[in-house]
Amino acid sequence: MIRRLAYEILEKNRGAENLTILGILSRGDVLGRALAAEISVIESTEVAYHPLDTAPFRDDVGDEAAPELDGAQPMIEDRDVILVDDVLFTGRTVRAALDALIRFGRPRSIQLTVLIDRGHREYPIQPDFVGRKMPTKHRERVEVTLGDSPLVEVIE
């Protein structure tokens, strides 16, 4: 699945020269690193990768102000940003990720990659690249275990 997603991303973006990959902490980070490594092997070049912490930007943790930017920030100005997460459900985490990454600059494009799309959106967010669509009941949980081949389990 990761290899297929890597090829789809490369095809849409005509190579990797302008790509920056951001993996949403925590499981999107593991998937984002794997995707960046796969693209790097395919293209024989290093792809920029950064983890992205969305926790301070979530709308379900209170009305705290967004944190000040400190430390190393990803360079996304005029780049094609590939935002990566393991499971897309309501869209709330992706919305928080968009709020977080816009503080780093203005990318040329933002493309969402998810391993599993399970539906049930609360925000109008759709992925650009999907490993697998998996319709679920709202009360079910989907757990992804990443290894040599991703294991996906639906839990009631």
N, C-alpha and C. Protein backbone atom coordinates (compact mmCIF):
# COMPACT_ATOMS: atom_id res chain seq x y z
N MET A 1 0.82 -1.20 0.00
CA MET A 1 0.00 0.00 0.00
C MET A 1 0.86 1.26 0.00
N ILE A 2 1.92 1.25 0.81
CA ILE A 2 2.77 2.43 0.91
C ILE A 2 3.48 2.68 -0.42
N ARG A 3 3.94 1.62 -1.06
CA ARG A 3 4.60 1.78 -2.36
C ARG A 3 3.62 2.35 -3.39
N ARG A 4 2.39 1.84 -3.40
CA ARG A 4 1.37 2.35 -4.35
C ARG A 4 1.09 3.82 -4.09
N LEU A 5 0.93 4.19 -2.82
CA LEU A 5 0.70 5.60 -2.47
C LEU A 5 1.87 6.47 -2.91
N ALA A 6 3.09 5.97 -2.73
CA ALA A 6 4.28 6.73 -3.15
C ALA A 6 4.26 6.99 -4.65
N TYR A 7 3.94 5.97 -5.43
CA TYR A 7 3.88 6.14 -6.88
C TYR A 7 2.76 7.10 -7.29
N GLU A 8 1.62 7.03 -6.63
CA GLU A 8 0.52 7.95 -6.95
C GLU A 8 0.92 9.39 -6.66
N ILE A 9 1.58 9.62 -5.54
CA ILE A 9 2.04 10.96 -5.17
C ILE A 9 3.05 11.47 -6.20
N LEU A 10 4.00 10.63 -6.57
CA LEU A 10 5.01 11.03 -7.56
C LEU A 10 4.38 11.33 -8.91
N GLU A 11 3.40 10.53 -9.30
CA GLU A 11 2.75 10.76 -10.60
C GLU A 11 2.01 12.09 -10.60
N LYS A 12 1.25 12.36 -9.57
CA LYS A 12 0.48 13.61 -9.52
C LYS A 12 1.38 14.83 -9.45
N ASN A 13 2.53 14.71 -8.77
CA ASN A 13 3.41 15.85 -8.56
C ASN A 13 4.59 15.89 -9.53
N ARG A 14 4.59 14.99 -10.50
CA ARG A 14 5.65 14.93 -11.52
C ARG A 14 7.03 14.86 -10.88
N GLY A 15 7.17 13.93 -9.93
CA GLY A 15 8.45 13.75 -9.26
C GLY A 15 8.43 14.28 -7.84
N ALA A 16 9.61 14.24 -7.21
CA ALA A 16 9.71 14.57 -5.78
C ALA A 16 10.45 15.86 -5.50
N GLU A 17 10.89 16.57 -6.53
CA GLU A 17 11.78 17.71 -6.29
C GLU A 17 11.16 18.83 -5.47
N ASN A 18 9.84 18.98 -5.49
CA ASN A 18 9.20 20.07 -4.74
C ASN A 18 8.37 19.57 -3.56
N LEU A 19 8.53 18.30 -3.18
CA LEU A 19 7.72 17.71 -2.12
C LEU A 19 8.30 17.94 -0.73
N THR A 20 7.42 18.20 0.22
CA THR A 20 7.72 18.16 1.65
C THR A 20 6.62 17.32 2.28
N ILE A 21 7.01 16.32 3.05
CA ILE A 21 6.04 15.43 3.69
C ILE A 21 5.95 15.77 5.17
N LEU A 22 4.71 15.94 5.66
CA LEU A 22 4.46 16.19 7.08
C LEU A 22 3.58 15.07 7.62
N GLY A 23 4.07 14.35 8.61
CA GLY A 23 3.31 13.27 9.23
C GLY A 23 2.67 13.74 10.51
N ILE A 24 1.36 13.57 10.62
CA ILE A 24 0.63 13.99 11.83
C ILE A 24 0.97 13.04 12.97
N LEU A 25 1.45 13.62 14.09
CA LEU A 25 1.78 12.79 15.25
C LEU A 25 0.52 12.13 15.78
N SER A 26 0.49 10.88 16.13
CA SER A 26 1.64 10.03 16.29
C SER A 26 1.73 8.97 15.19
N ARG A 27 0.61 8.37 14.82
CA ARG A 27 0.69 7.29 13.83
C ARG A 27 0.92 7.81 12.41
N GLY A 28 0.50 9.02 12.12
CA GLY A 28 0.79 9.61 10.82
C GLY A 28 2.28 9.86 10.65
N ASP A 29 2.98 10.03 11.78
CA ASP A 29 4.42 10.23 11.76
C ASP A 29 5.11 8.97 11.24
N VAL A 30 4.74 7.82 11.75
CA VAL A 30 5.33 6.55 11.31
C VAL A 30 5.04 6.32 9.83
N LEU A 31 3.81 6.54 9.42
CA LEU A 31 3.43 6.36 8.02
C LEU A 31 4.14 7.39 7.13
N GLY A 32 4.22 8.63 7.57
CA GLY A 32 4.89 9.68 6.80
C GLY A 32 6.37 9.37 6.59
N ARG A 33 7.03 8.87 7.64
CA ARG A 33 8.44 8.49 7.51
C ARG A 33 8.60 7.35 6.50
N ALA A 34 7.71 6.37 6.57
CA ALA A 34 7.77 5.24 5.63
C ALA A 34 7.53 5.71 4.20
N LEU A 35 6.59 6.62 4.02
CA LEU A 35 6.28 7.16 2.69
C LEU A 35 7.46 7.98 2.16
N ALA A 36 8.06 8.82 3.00
CA ALA A 36 9.22 9.61 2.58
C ALA A 36 10.39 8.69 2.20
N ALA A 37 10.60 7.63 2.97
CA ALA A 37 11.67 6.68 2.66
C ALA A 37 11.41 5.98 1.33
N GLU A 38 10.17 5.57 1.09
CA GLU A 38 9.83 4.89 -0.16
C GLU A 38 10.01 5.81 -1.36
N ILE A 39 9.55 7.05 -1.24
CA ILE A 39 9.71 8.02 -2.33
C ILE A 39 11.19 8.31 -2.57
N SER A 40 11.97 8.41 -1.50
CA SER A 40 13.40 8.65 -1.62
C SER A 40 14.09 7.53 -2.39
N VAL A 41 13.69 6.29 -2.14
CA VAL A 41 14.27 5.14 -2.85
C VAL A 41 13.87 5.17 -4.32
N ILE A 42 12.59 5.41 -4.59
CA ILE A 42 12.10 5.42 -5.97
C ILE A 42 12.78 6.52 -6.78
N GLU A 43 12.93 7.70 -6.21
CA GLU A 43 13.47 8.86 -6.92
C GLU A 43 14.97 9.03 -6.75
N SER A 44 15.60 8.23 -5.92
CA SER A 44 17.04 8.33 -5.63
C SER A 44 17.43 9.74 -5.17
N THR A 45 16.61 10.30 -4.31
CA THR A 45 16.87 11.62 -3.74
C THR A 45 16.23 11.70 -2.36
N GLU A 46 16.75 12.58 -1.53
CA GLU A 46 16.20 12.75 -0.18
C GLU A 46 14.95 13.62 -0.22
N VAL A 47 13.87 13.15 0.37
CA VAL A 47 12.63 13.91 0.43
C VAL A 47 12.52 14.54 1.82
N ALA A 48 12.20 15.83 1.86
CA ALA A 48 12.06 16.54 3.14
C ALA A 48 10.90 15.94 3.93
N TYR A 49 11.17 15.62 5.20
CA TYR A 49 10.13 15.07 6.08
C TYR A 49 10.18 15.78 7.44
N HIS A 50 8.98 16.03 7.99
CA HIS A 50 8.86 16.63 9.32
C HIS A 50 7.63 16.08 10.01
N PRO A 51 7.72 15.78 11.32
CA PRO A 51 6.51 15.43 12.09
C PRO A 51 5.71 16.70 12.36
N LEU A 52 4.41 16.55 12.53
CA LEU A 52 3.54 17.70 12.78
C LEU A 52 2.66 17.42 14.00
N ASP A 53 2.81 18.25 15.03
CA ASP A 53 2.01 18.12 16.25
C ASP A 53 0.75 18.98 16.10
N THR A 54 -0.41 18.34 16.09
CA THR A 54 -1.67 19.06 15.93
C THR A 54 -2.38 19.31 17.25
N ALA A 55 -1.89 18.74 18.34
CA ALA A 55 -2.59 18.81 19.63
C ALA A 55 -2.96 20.24 20.04
N PRO A 56 -2.05 21.21 19.93
CA PRO A 56 -2.41 22.57 20.37
C PRO A 56 -3.45 23.25 19.47
N PHE A 57 -3.73 22.69 18.33
CA PHE A 57 -4.63 23.32 17.37
C PHE A 57 -6.00 22.65 17.30
N ARG A 58 -6.22 21.63 18.12
CA ARG A 58 -7.50 20.92 18.08
C ARG A 58 -8.61 21.78 18.67
N ASP A 59 -9.81 21.64 18.13
CA ASP A 59 -10.93 22.44 18.62
C ASP A 59 -11.67 21.76 19.76
N ASP A 60 -11.20 20.57 20.16
CA ASP A 60 -11.87 19.85 21.25
C ASP A 60 -11.02 19.80 22.52
N VAL A 61 -10.03 20.71 22.65
CA VAL A 61 -9.21 20.74 23.86
C VAL A 61 -9.30 22.05 24.60
N GLY A 62 -10.15 22.95 24.18
CA GLY A 62 -10.32 24.22 24.88
C GLY A 62 -9.99 25.41 24.00
N ASP A 63 -10.10 26.59 24.58
CA ASP A 63 -9.89 27.83 23.83
C ASP A 63 -8.51 28.44 24.10
N GLU A 64 -7.50 27.61 24.21
CA GLU A 64 -6.16 28.12 24.43
C GLU A 64 -5.64 28.76 23.15
N ALA A 65 -4.80 29.75 23.31
CA ALA A 65 -4.18 30.39 22.14
C ALA A 65 -3.19 29.43 21.49
N ALA A 66 -3.00 29.58 20.19
CA ALA A 66 -2.04 28.75 19.48
C ALA A 66 -0.65 29.03 20.04
N PRO A 67 0.17 27.99 20.15
CA PRO A 67 1.51 28.18 20.73
C PRO A 67 2.41 29.00 19.82
N GLU A 68 3.42 29.62 20.44
CA GLU A 68 4.43 30.36 19.67
C GLU A 68 5.28 29.36 18.91
N LEU A 69 5.73 29.74 17.73
CA LEU A 69 6.60 28.87 16.94
C LEU A 69 8.00 28.93 17.52
N ASP A 70 8.58 27.79 17.82
CA ASP A 70 9.95 27.74 18.29
C ASP A 70 10.60 26.48 17.76
N GLY A 71 11.90 26.44 17.72
CA GLY A 71 12.61 25.27 17.23
C GLY A 71 12.61 25.23 15.71
N ALA A 72 13.04 24.10 15.17
CA ALA A 72 13.15 23.93 13.72
C ALA A 72 11.75 23.79 13.10
N GLN A 73 11.48 24.64 12.14
CA GLN A 73 10.19 24.61 11.46
C GLN A 73 10.38 24.11 10.03
N PRO A 74 9.42 23.35 9.52
CA PRO A 74 9.55 22.90 8.13
C PRO A 74 9.45 24.06 7.16
N MET A 75 10.23 23.99 6.11
CA MET A 75 10.19 25.00 5.05
C MET A 75 9.12 24.56 4.05
N ILE A 76 7.97 25.23 4.06
CA ILE A 76 6.89 24.82 3.17
C ILE A 76 6.51 25.89 2.16
N GLU A 77 7.16 27.05 2.23
CA GLU A 77 6.84 28.14 1.32
C GLU A 77 7.00 27.69 -0.13
N ASP A 78 5.90 27.79 -0.92
CA ASP A 78 5.88 27.43 -2.33
C ASP A 78 6.25 25.97 -2.58
N ARG A 79 6.02 25.10 -1.61
CA ARG A 79 6.29 23.65 -1.75
C ARG A 79 4.96 22.92 -1.89
N ASP A 80 5.02 21.71 -2.43
CA ASP A 80 3.86 20.82 -2.46
C ASP A 80 3.94 19.98 -1.19
N VAL A 81 3.04 20.24 -0.25
CA VAL A 81 3.05 19.58 1.05
C VAL A 81 2.14 18.35 0.99
N ILE A 82 2.70 17.22 1.40
CA ILE A 82 1.94 15.99 1.51
C ILE A 82 1.69 15.78 3.00
N LEU A 83 0.45 15.96 3.42
CA LEU A 83 0.03 15.78 4.81
C LEU A 83 -0.40 14.34 4.98
N VAL A 84 0.18 13.64 5.97
CA VAL A 84 -0.03 12.19 6.10
C VAL A 84 -0.63 11.84 7.46
N ASP A 85 -1.66 11.00 7.44
CA ASP A 85 -2.22 10.44 8.67
C ASP A 85 -2.61 8.98 8.41
N ASP A 86 -2.79 8.22 9.49
CA ASP A 86 -3.11 6.81 9.30
C ASP A 86 -4.59 6.60 8.98
N VAL A 87 -5.49 7.21 9.75
CA VAL A 87 -6.93 7.00 9.57
C VAL A 87 -7.64 8.34 9.46
N LEU A 88 -8.47 8.50 8.45
CA LEU A 88 -9.31 9.69 8.31
C LEU A 88 -10.71 9.32 8.75
N PHE A 89 -11.24 10.06 9.73
CA PHE A 89 -12.56 9.77 10.29
C PHE A 89 -13.40 11.03 10.19
N THR A 90 -13.44 11.84 11.22
CA THR A 90 -14.31 13.03 11.23
C THR A 90 -13.69 14.21 10.48
N GLY A 91 -12.37 14.24 10.35
CA GLY A 91 -11.69 15.36 9.71
C GLY A 91 -11.16 16.38 10.70
N ARG A 92 -11.44 16.20 11.99
CA ARG A 92 -11.01 17.17 12.99
C ARG A 92 -9.49 17.25 13.12
N THR A 93 -8.81 16.13 13.07
CA THR A 93 -7.34 16.15 13.18
C THR A 93 -6.73 16.84 11.96
N VAL A 94 -7.28 16.58 10.79
CA VAL A 94 -6.76 17.22 9.57
C VAL A 94 -7.01 18.73 9.62
N ARG A 95 -8.16 19.14 10.11
CA ARG A 95 -8.44 20.57 10.25
C ARG A 95 -7.41 21.23 11.16
N ALA A 96 -7.10 20.57 12.27
CA ALA A 96 -6.08 21.08 13.20
C ALA A 96 -4.71 21.12 12.52
N ALA A 97 -4.41 20.11 11.72
CA ALA A 97 -3.13 20.07 11.00
C ALA A 97 -3.02 21.23 10.02
N LEU A 98 -4.11 21.56 9.34
CA LEU A 98 -4.10 22.69 8.41
C LEU A 98 -3.83 23.99 9.16
N ASP A 99 -4.47 24.17 10.32
CA ASP A 99 -4.23 25.36 11.13
C ASP A 99 -2.76 25.44 11.54
N ALA A 100 -2.18 24.29 11.91
CA ALA A 100 -0.78 24.27 12.35
C ALA A 100 0.17 24.57 11.20
N LEU A 101 -0.01 23.94 10.07
CA LEU A 101 0.99 24.10 9.01
C LEU A 101 0.92 25.44 8.31
N ILE A 102 -0.23 26.08 8.28
CA ILE A 102 -0.33 27.40 7.67
C ILE A 102 0.52 28.42 8.42
N ARG A 103 0.81 28.16 9.69
CA ARG A 103 1.67 29.07 10.46
C ARG A 103 3.12 29.02 10.00
N PHE A 104 3.48 27.98 9.22
CA PHE A 104 4.86 27.85 8.74
C PHE A 104 5.10 28.57 7.43
N GLY A 105 4.05 28.99 6.75
CA GLY A 105 4.21 29.65 5.46
C GLY A 105 3.06 29.30 4.53
N ARG A 106 3.23 29.67 3.27
CA ARG A 106 2.18 29.43 2.29
C ARG A 106 2.67 28.40 1.26
N PRO A 107 2.19 27.16 1.37
CA PRO A 107 2.61 26.14 0.42
C PRO A 107 1.95 26.34 -0.95
N ARG A 108 2.56 25.75 -1.97
CA ARG A 108 1.96 25.77 -3.31
C ARG A 108 0.67 24.94 -3.29
N SER A 109 0.75 23.78 -2.65
CA SER A 109 -0.45 22.93 -2.51
C SER A 109 -0.33 22.10 -1.24
N ILE A 110 -1.48 21.65 -0.75
CA ILE A 110 -1.54 20.73 0.39
C ILE A 110 -2.36 19.54 -0.08
N GLN A 111 -1.74 18.36 -0.02
CA GLN A 111 -2.41 17.14 -0.46
C GLN A 111 -2.46 16.17 0.71
N LEU A 112 -3.62 15.61 0.95
CA LEU A 112 -3.83 14.71 2.09
C LEU A 112 -3.70 13.26 1.66
N THR A 113 -2.86 12.52 2.40
CA THR A 113 -2.67 11.09 2.18
C THR A 113 -3.06 10.35 3.45
N VAL A 114 -3.92 9.36 3.32
CA VAL A 114 -4.32 8.54 4.47
C VAL A 114 -4.24 7.07 4.10
N LEU A 115 -3.90 6.25 5.06
CA LEU A 115 -3.86 4.82 4.83
C LEU A 115 -5.29 4.26 4.78
N ILE A 116 -6.14 4.72 5.71
CA ILE A 116 -7.52 4.25 5.80
C ILE A 116 -8.48 5.44 5.81
N ASP A 117 -9.49 5.40 4.94
CA ASP A 117 -10.57 6.39 4.94
C ASP A 117 -11.83 5.67 5.39
N ARG A 118 -12.33 6.02 6.56
CA ARG A 118 -13.50 5.31 7.09
C ARG A 118 -14.79 6.10 7.03
N GLY A 119 -14.77 7.31 6.44
CA GLY A 119 -16.00 8.08 6.30
C GLY A 119 -16.38 8.83 7.57
N HIS A 120 -17.64 9.21 7.69
CA HIS A 120 -18.19 9.88 8.88
C HIS A 120 -17.64 11.29 9.10
N ARG A 121 -17.42 12.08 8.04
CA ARG A 121 -16.84 13.41 8.17
C ARG A 121 -17.76 14.37 8.91
N GLU A 122 -17.14 15.22 9.70
CA GLU A 122 -17.81 16.35 10.34
C GLU A 122 -17.36 17.65 9.69
N TYR A 123 -16.29 17.60 8.92
CA TYR A 123 -15.75 18.73 8.17
C TYR A 123 -15.65 18.33 6.70
N PRO A 124 -15.74 19.29 5.78
CA PRO A 124 -15.67 18.95 4.35
C PRO A 124 -14.23 18.71 3.91
N ILE A 125 -13.66 17.62 4.36
CA ILE A 125 -12.26 17.27 4.07
C ILE A 125 -12.25 15.93 3.36
N GLN A 126 -11.55 15.88 2.23
CA GLN A 126 -11.43 14.65 1.45
C GLN A 126 -9.96 14.38 1.16
N PRO A 127 -9.53 13.13 1.23
CA PRO A 127 -8.13 12.82 0.94
C PRO A 127 -7.84 12.82 -0.56
N ASP A 128 -6.60 13.15 -0.90
CA ASP A 128 -6.15 13.09 -2.28
C ASP A 128 -5.64 11.69 -2.62
N PHE A 129 -5.06 11.02 -1.62
CA PHE A 129 -4.51 9.68 -1.81
C PHE A 129 -4.99 8.79 -0.67
N VAL A 130 -5.55 7.63 -1.01
CA VAL A 130 -6.12 6.72 -0.01
C VAL A 130 -5.57 5.32 -0.23
N GLY A 131 -5.07 4.73 0.85
CA GLY A 131 -4.62 3.34 0.77
C GLY A 131 -5.81 2.40 0.64
N ARG A 132 -6.83 2.62 1.47
CA ARG A 132 -8.00 1.75 1.46
C ARG A 132 -9.20 2.47 2.06
N LYS A 133 -10.35 2.36 1.40
CA LYS A 133 -11.61 2.86 1.99
C LYS A 133 -12.20 1.73 2.81
N MET A 134 -12.63 2.07 4.01
CA MET A 134 -13.15 1.06 4.92
C MET A 134 -14.38 1.62 5.63
N PRO A 135 -15.57 1.42 5.05
CA PRO A 135 -16.78 1.90 5.72
C PRO A 135 -16.93 1.22 7.08
N THR A 136 -17.21 2.02 8.10
CA THR A 136 -17.37 1.49 9.45
C THR A 136 -18.60 2.11 10.08
N LYS A 137 -19.00 1.54 11.19
CA LYS A 137 -20.04 2.17 12.00
C LYS A 137 -19.37 3.29 12.80
N HIS A 138 -20.15 4.27 13.15
CA HIS A 138 -19.59 5.43 13.85
C HIS A 138 -18.94 5.05 15.17
N ARG A 139 -19.49 4.10 15.88
CA ARG A 139 -18.96 3.74 17.20
C ARG A 139 -17.75 2.81 17.15
N GLU A 140 -17.45 2.27 15.98
CA GLU A 140 -16.29 1.39 15.84
C GLU A 140 -15.00 2.21 15.81
N ARG A 141 -13.90 1.54 16.16
CA ARG A 141 -12.57 2.15 16.07
C ARG A 141 -11.76 1.37 15.05
N VAL A 142 -10.86 2.05 14.39
CA VAL A 142 -9.94 1.38 13.46
C VAL A 142 -8.55 1.57 14.01
N GLU A 143 -7.83 0.47 14.20
CA GLU A 143 -6.46 0.53 14.68
C GLU A 143 -5.54 0.02 13.58
N VAL A 144 -4.49 0.79 13.32
CA VAL A 144 -3.51 0.43 12.31
C VAL A 144 -2.20 0.11 13.01
N THR A 145 -1.64 -1.04 12.70
CA THR A 145 -0.32 -1.43 13.18
C THR A 145 0.60 -1.45 11.98
N LEU A 146 1.61 -0.59 12.01
CA LEU A 146 2.52 -0.51 10.87
C LEU A 146 3.72 -1.41 11.10
N GLY A 147 4.04 -2.16 10.09
CA GLY A 147 5.21 -3.05 10.09
C GLY A 147 5.57 -3.28 8.64
N ASP A 148 6.08 -4.47 8.34
CA ASP A 148 6.41 -4.78 6.94
C ASP A 148 5.17 -4.66 6.05
N SER A 149 4.05 -5.10 6.57
CA SER A 149 2.79 -4.88 5.87
C SER A 149 1.78 -4.40 6.92
N PRO A 150 1.11 -3.25 6.65
CA PRO A 150 0.20 -2.68 7.64
C PRO A 150 -0.94 -3.64 8.00
N LEU A 151 -1.25 -3.70 9.27
CA LEU A 151 -2.35 -4.51 9.77
C LEU A 151 -3.45 -3.55 10.22
N VAL A 152 -4.65 -3.76 9.69
CA VAL A 152 -5.78 -2.89 10.03
C VAL A 152 -6.82 -3.74 10.74
N GLU A 153 -7.30 -3.24 11.88
CA GLU A 153 -8.27 -3.97 12.67
C GLU A 153 -9.41 -3.03 13.05
N VAL A 154 -10.65 -3.50 12.87
CA VAL A 154 -11.84 -2.74 13.28
C VAL A 154 -12.28 -3.30 14.63
N ILE A 155 -12.46 -2.41 15.60
CA ILE A 155 -12.83 -2.81 16.96
C ILE A 155 -14.14 -2.15 17.33
N GLU A 156 -15.09 -2.94 17.81
CA GLU A 156 -16.38 -2.38 18.26
C GLU A 156 -16.29 -1.92 19.68
